[in-house]
Amino acid sequence: MYVVVRTMKVKKGHQEDVVKRFSERNLMSKSEGYVKSFLLLDSKHKDYDLFRQEIYWKDKRAFFVWEGSPEHIAMHKAKKEAGHERPEEILEVARETYEVVAEI
């Protein structure tokens, strides 16, 4: 299994917006090899919340097929053409990837 982890630092007061945006089913969830996603919240910080989105794929290939798919590319192109920048409430975004080596 292959896991993509995106961490987002978000201004306080925008929890509902982020949860709504990432809770809706999208094209990614229909992609072959998609397994599941989790959206985790760490709200202990005074000035910001930390969201962690974990996206599980059958394997690395399934993720790269999605990332290179016409649907994924068109989605990002449409956002860019519509002038959709990263929402100002999202302060930072980082992405890491992992391969599952053991399930306990």
C-alpha atoms as a PDB file:
ATOM      1  CA  MET A   1       0.000   0.000   0.000  1.00  0.00           C
ATOM      2  CA  TYR A   2       1.121   3.578  -0.705  1.00  0.00           C
ATOM      3  CA  VAL A   3       0.157   6.558   1.471  1.00  0.00           C
ATOM      4  CA  VAL A   4       0.171  10.225   0.509  1.00  0.00           C
ATOM      5  CA  VAL A   5       0.139  12.527   3.542  1.00  0.00           C
ATOM      6  CA  ARG A   6      -0.693  16.191   3.133  1.00  0.00           C
ATOM      7  CA  THR A   7      -0.308  18.464   6.154  1.00  0.00           C
ATOM      8  CA  MET A   8      -2.086  21.824   6.096  1.00  0.00           C
ATOM      9  CA  LYS A   9      -1.585  24.654   8.571  1.00  0.00           C
ATOM     10  CA  VAL A  10      -4.881  26.596   8.647  1.00  0.00           C
ATOM     11  CA  LYS A  11      -5.894  29.841  10.361  1.00  0.00           C
ATOM     12  CA  LYS A  12      -8.172  29.355  13.367  1.00  0.00           C
ATOM     13  CA  GLY A  13     -11.866  29.699  12.598  1.00  0.00           C
ATOM     14  CA  HIS A  14     -11.821  27.763   9.309  1.00  0.00           C
ATOM     15  CA  GLN A  15     -12.238  24.170  10.519  1.00  0.00           C
ATOM     16  CA  GLU A  16     -15.699  23.747   8.994  1.00  0.00           C
ATOM     17  CA  ASP A  17     -14.561  25.044   5.587  1.00  0.00           C
ATOM     18  CA  VAL A  18     -11.655  22.619   5.424  1.00  0.00           C
ATOM     19  CA  VAL A  19     -13.679  19.657   6.658  1.00  0.00           C
ATOM     20  CA  LYS A  20     -16.425  20.381   4.117  1.00  0.00           C
ATOM     21  CA  ARG A  21     -13.965  20.768   1.225  1.00  0.00           C
ATOM     22  CA  PHE A  22     -12.133  17.525   1.970  1.00  0.00           C
ATOM     23  CA  SER A  23     -15.139  15.435   3.051  1.00  0.00           C
ATOM     24  CA  GLU A  24     -16.927  15.618  -0.287  1.00  0.00           C
ATOM     25  CA  ARG A  25     -16.476  12.685  -2.645  1.00  0.00           C
ATOM     26  CA  ASN A  26     -14.386  13.638  -5.637  1.00  0.00           C
ATOM     27  CA  LEU A  27     -12.851  12.145  -8.756  1.00  0.00           C
ATOM     28  CA  MET A  28      -9.866  10.838  -6.804  1.00  0.00           C
ATOM     29  CA  SER A  29     -12.077   8.545  -4.729  1.00  0.00           C
ATOM     30  CA  LYS A  30     -13.346   6.960  -7.967  1.00  0.00           C
ATOM     31  CA  SER A  31      -9.865   6.328  -9.332  1.00  0.00           C
ATOM     32  CA  GLU A  32      -8.763   2.715  -9.667  1.00  0.00           C
ATOM     33  CA  GLY A  33      -6.462   1.794  -6.807  1.00  0.00           C
ATOM     34  CA  TYR A  34      -7.842   4.400  -4.397  1.00  0.00           C
ATOM     35  CA  VAL A  35      -8.444   2.714  -1.026  1.00  0.00           C
ATOM     36  CA  LYS A  36      -9.495   5.327   1.546  1.00  0.00           C
ATOM     37  CA  SER A  37      -8.777   8.755   3.021  1.00  0.00           C
ATOM     38  CA  PHE A  38      -8.684  10.222   6.496  1.00  0.00           C
ATOM     39  CA  LEU A  39      -8.755  13.876   7.511  1.00  0.00           C
ATOM     40  CA  LEU A  40      -7.209  14.376  10.950  1.00  0.00           C
ATOM     41  CA  LEU A  41      -7.254  17.542  13.061  1.00  0.00           C
ATOM     42  CA  ASP A  42      -4.831  18.869  15.673  1.00  0.00           C
ATOM     43  CA  SER A  43      -6.470  21.961  17.206  1.00  0.00           C
ATOM     44  CA  LYS A  44      -4.227  22.463  20.238  1.00  0.00           C
ATOM     45  CA  HIS A  45      -2.310  25.419  18.774  1.00  0.00           C
ATOM     46  CA  LYS A  46      -3.419  28.946  19.672  1.00  0.00           C
ATOM     47  CA  ASP A  47      -3.191  30.607  16.248  1.00  0.00           C
ATOM     48  CA  TYR A  48      -3.741  27.780  13.792  1.00  0.00           C
ATOM     49  CA  ASP A  49      -5.096  24.274  13.293  1.00  0.00           C
ATOM     50  CA  LEU A  50      -3.139  21.446  11.703  1.00  0.00           C
ATOM     51  CA  PHE A  51      -4.986  19.164   9.320  1.00  0.00           C
ATOM     52  CA  ARG A  52      -3.438  15.944   8.122  1.00  0.00           C
ATOM     53  CA  GLN A  53      -4.979  14.249   5.111  1.00  0.00           C
ATOM     54  CA  GLU A  54      -3.923  10.639   4.615  1.00  0.00           C
ATOM     55  CA  ILE A  55      -4.777   9.112   1.244  1.00  0.00           C
ATOM     56  CA  TYR A  56      -4.282   5.372   0.852  1.00  0.00           C
ATOM     57  CA  TRP A  57      -3.628   3.777  -2.529  1.00  0.00           C
ATOM     58  CA  LYS A  58      -3.349   0.122  -3.497  1.00  0.00           C
ATOM     59  CA  ASP A  59       0.239   0.787  -4.565  1.00  0.00           C
ATOM     60  CA  LYS A  60       2.576   3.510  -5.801  1.00  0.00           C
ATOM     61  CA  ARG A  61       1.581   2.885  -9.409  1.00  0.00           C
ATOM     62  CA  ALA A  62      -2.107   3.547  -8.649  1.00  0.00           C
ATOM     63  CA  PHE A  63      -1.218   6.933  -7.176  1.00  0.00           C
ATOM     64  CA  PHE A  64       0.949   7.924 -10.137  1.00  0.00           C
ATOM     65  CA  VAL A  65      -1.750   6.784 -12.570  1.00  0.00           C
ATOM     66  CA  TRP A  66      -4.200   9.095 -10.757  1.00  0.00           C
ATOM     67  CA  GLU A  67      -1.717  11.972 -10.627  1.00  0.00           C
ATOM     68  CA  GLY A  68      -1.081  11.706 -14.376  1.00  0.00           C
ATOM     69  CA  SER A  69      -4.703  11.074 -15.328  1.00  0.00           C
ATOM     70  CA  PRO A  70      -6.555  13.490 -17.625  1.00  0.00           C
ATOM     71  CA  GLU A  71      -9.118  14.027 -14.840  1.00  0.00           C
ATOM     72  CA  HIS A  72      -6.493  15.076 -12.295  1.00  0.00           C
ATOM     73  CA  ILE A  73      -4.670  17.327 -14.751  1.00  0.00           C
ATOM     74  CA  ALA A  74      -7.942  18.921 -15.943  1.00  0.00           C
ATOM     75  CA  MET A  75      -9.053  19.543 -12.360  1.00  0.00           C
ATOM     76  CA  HIS A  76      -5.883  21.503 -11.568  1.00  0.00           C
ATOM     77  CA  LYS A  77      -5.938  23.299 -14.923  1.00  0.00           C
ATOM     78  CA  ALA A  78      -9.557  24.394 -14.380  1.00  0.00           C
ATOM     79  CA  LYS A  79      -8.732  25.734 -10.913  1.00  0.00           C
ATOM     80  CA  LYS A  80      -5.756  27.662 -12.275  1.00  0.00           C
ATOM     81  CA  GLU A  81      -7.720  29.099 -15.211  1.00  0.00           C
ATOM     82  CA  ALA A  82     -10.521  30.162 -12.869  1.00  0.00           C
ATOM     83  CA  GLY A  83      -7.963  32.056 -10.801  1.00  0.00           C
ATOM     84  CA  HIS A  84      -8.310  29.782  -7.783  1.00  0.00           C
ATOM     85  CA  GLU A  85      -5.238  30.348  -5.701  1.00  0.00           C
ATOM     86  CA  ARG A  86      -4.649  28.524  -2.455  1.00  0.00           C
ATOM     87  CA  PRO A  87      -7.307  29.833  -0.028  1.00  0.00           C
ATOM     88  CA  GLU A  88      -5.798  32.509   2.228  1.00  0.00           C
ATOM     89  CA  GLU A  89      -6.805  30.607   5.356  1.00  0.00           C
ATOM     90  CA  ILE A  90      -4.376  27.826   4.369  1.00  0.00           C
ATOM     91  CA  LEU A  91      -1.026  29.073   5.641  1.00  0.00           C
ATOM     92  CA  GLU A  92       1.232  26.157   4.673  1.00  0.00           C
ATOM     93  CA  VAL A  93       0.975  22.842   2.869  1.00  0.00           C
ATOM     94  CA  ALA A  94       3.458  19.976   2.892  1.00  0.00           C
ATOM     95  CA  ARG A  95       3.267  16.579   1.207  1.00  0.00           C
ATOM     96  CA  GLU A  96       5.041  13.349   2.044  1.00  0.00           C
ATOM     97  CA  THR A  97       4.658   9.835   0.681  1.00  0.00           C
ATOM     98  CA  TYR A  98       5.159   6.479   2.349  1.00  0.00           C
ATOM     99  CA  GLU A  99       5.061   2.822   1.438  1.00  0.00           C
ATOM    100  CA  VAL A 100       3.416   0.563   3.990  1.00  0.00           C
ATOM    101  CA  VAL A 101       6.011  -1.995   5.059  1.00  0.00           C
ATOM    102  CA  ALA A 102       4.045  -3.705   7.834  1.00  0.00           C
ATOM    103  CA  GLU A 103       0.465  -3.846   9.041  1.00  0.00           C
ATOM    104  CA  ILE A 104       0.156  -4.538  12.738  1.00  0.00           C
END
